[in-house]
Amino acid sequence: MRNDTPAEELTKQAATGEPEKGRWSQQEQLLALVADRVARLEWVLLCVNIDKKSKRPDPPEPIRRPGAKPKKAKARLNENSANKLFQLIQGGAE
């Protein structure tokens, strides 16, 4: 099926495709697992060889797989929320 797909369609799907909605063979699943593990090893190697005062890089994102939704971004604590939380911890809220 992929051999009959025009190059333009393949390019479009590569840019906007959603691999988590397709089917993967066991071979593709294992290849994604190996790629994730290699990326993780590279990240660990960078972390252990970086200066302790330097900012560590973010861990690598795993390759999206069929049936798995992309991770949601974690909410960041802004200054307003931090102050309110501090007040609550100190025993009172205004």
C-alpha atoms as a PDB file:
ATOM      1  CA  MET A   1       0.000   0.000   0.000  1.00  0.00           C
ATOM      2  CA  ARG A   2       2.818   2.419   0.856  1.00  0.00           C
ATOM      3  CA  ASN A   3       4.547   1.732  -2.462  1.00  0.00           C
ATOM      4  CA  ASP A   4       1.459   2.969  -4.310  1.00  0.00           C
ATOM      5  CA  THR A   5       1.118   6.159  -2.248  1.00  0.00           C
ATOM      6  CA  PRO A   6       2.269   9.307  -4.074  1.00  0.00           C
ATOM      7  CA  ALA A   7       5.333  11.103  -2.701  1.00  0.00           C
ATOM      8  CA  GLU A   8       3.275  14.241  -1.938  1.00  0.00           C
ATOM      9  CA  GLU A   9       0.877  12.239   0.234  1.00  0.00           C
ATOM     10  CA  LEU A  10       3.760  10.575   2.099  1.00  0.00           C
ATOM     11  CA  THR A  11       5.335  13.982   2.749  1.00  0.00           C
ATOM     12  CA  LYS A  12       2.018  15.367   3.993  1.00  0.00           C
ATOM     13  CA  GLN A  13       1.464  12.376   6.283  1.00  0.00           C
ATOM     14  CA  ALA A  14       5.010  12.625   7.642  1.00  0.00           C
ATOM     15  CA  ALA A  15       4.391  16.247   8.636  1.00  0.00           C
ATOM     16  CA  THR A  16       0.833  15.947   9.964  1.00  0.00           C
ATOM     17  CA  GLY A  17       0.341  12.237  10.580  1.00  0.00           C
ATOM     18  CA  GLU A  18      -0.712  10.763  13.900  1.00  0.00           C
ATOM     19  CA  PRO A  19       1.135   7.472  14.392  1.00  0.00           C
ATOM     20  CA  GLU A  20      -0.815   6.693  17.556  1.00  0.00           C
ATOM     21  CA  LYS A  21      -3.919   6.158  15.381  1.00  0.00           C
ATOM     22  CA  GLY A  22      -2.324   3.630  13.010  1.00  0.00           C
ATOM     23  CA  ARG A  23      -1.312  -0.003  13.366  1.00  0.00           C
ATOM     24  CA  TRP A  24       2.252  -1.081  13.983  1.00  0.00           C
ATOM     25  CA  SER A  25       3.744  -4.508  13.531  1.00  0.00           C
ATOM     26  CA  GLN A  26       5.727  -6.165  16.303  1.00  0.00           C
ATOM     27  CA  GLN A  27       8.907  -5.276  14.411  1.00  0.00           C
ATOM     28  CA  GLU A  28       7.976  -1.578  14.388  1.00  0.00           C
ATOM     29  CA  GLN A  29       7.128  -1.704  18.096  1.00  0.00           C
ATOM     30  CA  LEU A  30      10.506  -3.277  18.903  1.00  0.00           C
ATOM     31  CA  LEU A  31      12.345  -0.766  16.729  1.00  0.00           C
ATOM     32  CA  ALA A  32      10.627   2.116  18.527  1.00  0.00           C
ATOM     33  CA  LEU A  33      11.570   0.545  21.863  1.00  0.00           C
ATOM     34  CA  VAL A  34      15.229   0.271  20.815  1.00  0.00           C
ATOM     35  CA  ALA A  35      15.236   3.880  19.578  1.00  0.00           C
ATOM     36  CA  ASP A  36      13.744   5.052  22.894  1.00  0.00           C
ATOM     37  CA  ARG A  37      16.323   3.118  24.894  1.00  0.00           C
ATOM     38  CA  VAL A  38      19.223   4.498  22.832  1.00  0.00           C
ATOM     39  CA  ALA A  39      17.902   8.040  23.284  1.00  0.00           C
ATOM     40  CA  ARG A  40      17.601   7.424  27.030  1.00  0.00           C
ATOM     41  CA  LEU A  41      21.178   6.104  27.214  1.00  0.00           C
ATOM     42  CA  GLU A  42      22.417   9.164  25.336  1.00  0.00           C
ATOM     43  CA  TRP A  43      20.542  11.406  27.797  1.00  0.00           C
ATOM     44  CA  VAL A  44      22.009   9.582  30.814  1.00  0.00           C
ATOM     45  CA  LEU A  45      25.500   9.863  29.325  1.00  0.00           C
ATOM     46  CA  LEU A  46      25.015  13.609  28.868  1.00  0.00           C
ATOM     47  CA  CYS A  47      23.698  14.005  32.421  1.00  0.00           C
ATOM     48  CA  VAL A  48      26.627  12.215  34.070  1.00  0.00           C
ATOM     49  CA  ASN A  49      29.209  14.136  32.039  1.00  0.00           C
ATOM     50  CA  ILE A  50      27.774  17.626  32.479  1.00  0.00           C
ATOM     51  CA  ASP A  51      28.992  20.118  35.099  1.00  0.00           C
ATOM     52  CA  LYS A  52      27.005  19.859  38.328  1.00  0.00           C
ATOM     53  CA  LYS A  53      26.146  23.555  38.169  1.00  0.00           C
ATOM     54  CA  SER A  54      24.860  23.351  34.588  1.00  0.00           C
ATOM     55  CA  LYS A  55      21.210  22.860  33.745  1.00  0.00           C
ATOM     56  CA  ARG A  56      20.528  19.257  32.816  1.00  0.00           C
ATOM     57  CA  PRO A  57      18.776  18.585  29.512  1.00  0.00           C
ATOM     58  CA  ASP A  58      15.185  17.390  29.536  1.00  0.00           C
ATOM     59  CA  PRO A  59      14.744  13.618  29.187  1.00  0.00           C
ATOM     60  CA  PRO A  60      13.928  12.470  25.660  1.00  0.00           C
ATOM     61  CA  GLU A  61      10.317  12.033  24.602  1.00  0.00           C
ATOM     62  CA  PRO A  62       9.479   8.452  23.603  1.00  0.00           C
ATOM     63  CA  ILE A  63       8.331   7.769  20.058  1.00  0.00           C
ATOM     64  CA  ARG A  64       4.536   7.958  19.875  1.00  0.00           C
ATOM     65  CA  ARG A  65       2.965   4.538  19.518  1.00  0.00           C
ATOM     66  CA  PRO A  66      -0.468   3.407  18.344  1.00  0.00           C
ATOM     67  CA  GLY A  67      -3.082   3.695  21.048  1.00  0.00           C
ATOM     68  CA  ALA A  68      -0.959   5.982  23.227  1.00  0.00           C
ATOM     69  CA  LYS A  69      -1.900   9.614  23.593  1.00  0.00           C
ATOM     70  CA  PRO A  70       0.824  12.274  23.634  1.00  0.00           C
ATOM     71  CA  LYS A  71       1.889  13.347  27.117  1.00  0.00           C
ATOM     72  CA  LYS A  72       0.235  16.444  28.488  1.00  0.00           C
ATOM     73  CA  ALA A  73       2.494  19.278  29.531  1.00  0.00           C
ATOM     74  CA  LYS A  74       2.846  19.624  33.292  1.00  0.00           C
ATOM     75  CA  ALA A  75       1.369  22.762  34.782  1.00  0.00           C
ATOM     76  CA  ARG A  76       3.975  25.269  35.893  1.00  0.00           C
ATOM     77  CA  LEU A  77       3.686  27.051  39.207  1.00  0.00           C
ATOM     78  CA  ASN A  78       3.592  30.808  38.569  1.00  0.00           C
ATOM     79  CA  GLU A  79       4.491  33.462  41.146  1.00  0.00           C
ATOM     80  CA  ASN A  80       0.870  34.203  42.110  1.00  0.00           C
ATOM     81  CA  SER A  81       0.116  30.551  42.749  1.00  0.00           C
ATOM     82  CA  ALA A  82       3.386  30.093  44.609  1.00  0.00           C
ATOM     83  CA  ASN A  83       2.575  32.991  46.946  1.00  0.00           C
ATOM     84  CA  LYS A  84      -0.926  31.646  47.618  1.00  0.00           C
ATOM     85  CA  LEU A  85       0.471  28.186  48.311  1.00  0.00           C
ATOM     86  CA  PHE A  86       3.066  29.684  50.660  1.00  0.00           C
ATOM     87  CA  GLN A  87       0.325  31.522  52.563  1.00  0.00           C
ATOM     88  CA  LEU A  88      -1.734  28.323  52.870  1.00  0.00           C
ATOM     89  CA  ILE A  89       1.270  26.408  54.178  1.00  0.00           C
ATOM     90  CA  GLN A  90       1.984  29.158  56.709  1.00  0.00           C
ATOM     91  CA  GLY A  91      -1.463  28.731  58.240  1.00  0.00           C
ATOM     92  CA  GLY A  92      -3.862  31.065  56.534  1.00  0.00           C
ATOM     93  CA  ALA A  93      -5.341  32.264  53.305  1.00  0.00           C
ATOM     94  CA  GLU A  94      -6.620  35.695  52.542  1.00  0.00           C
END
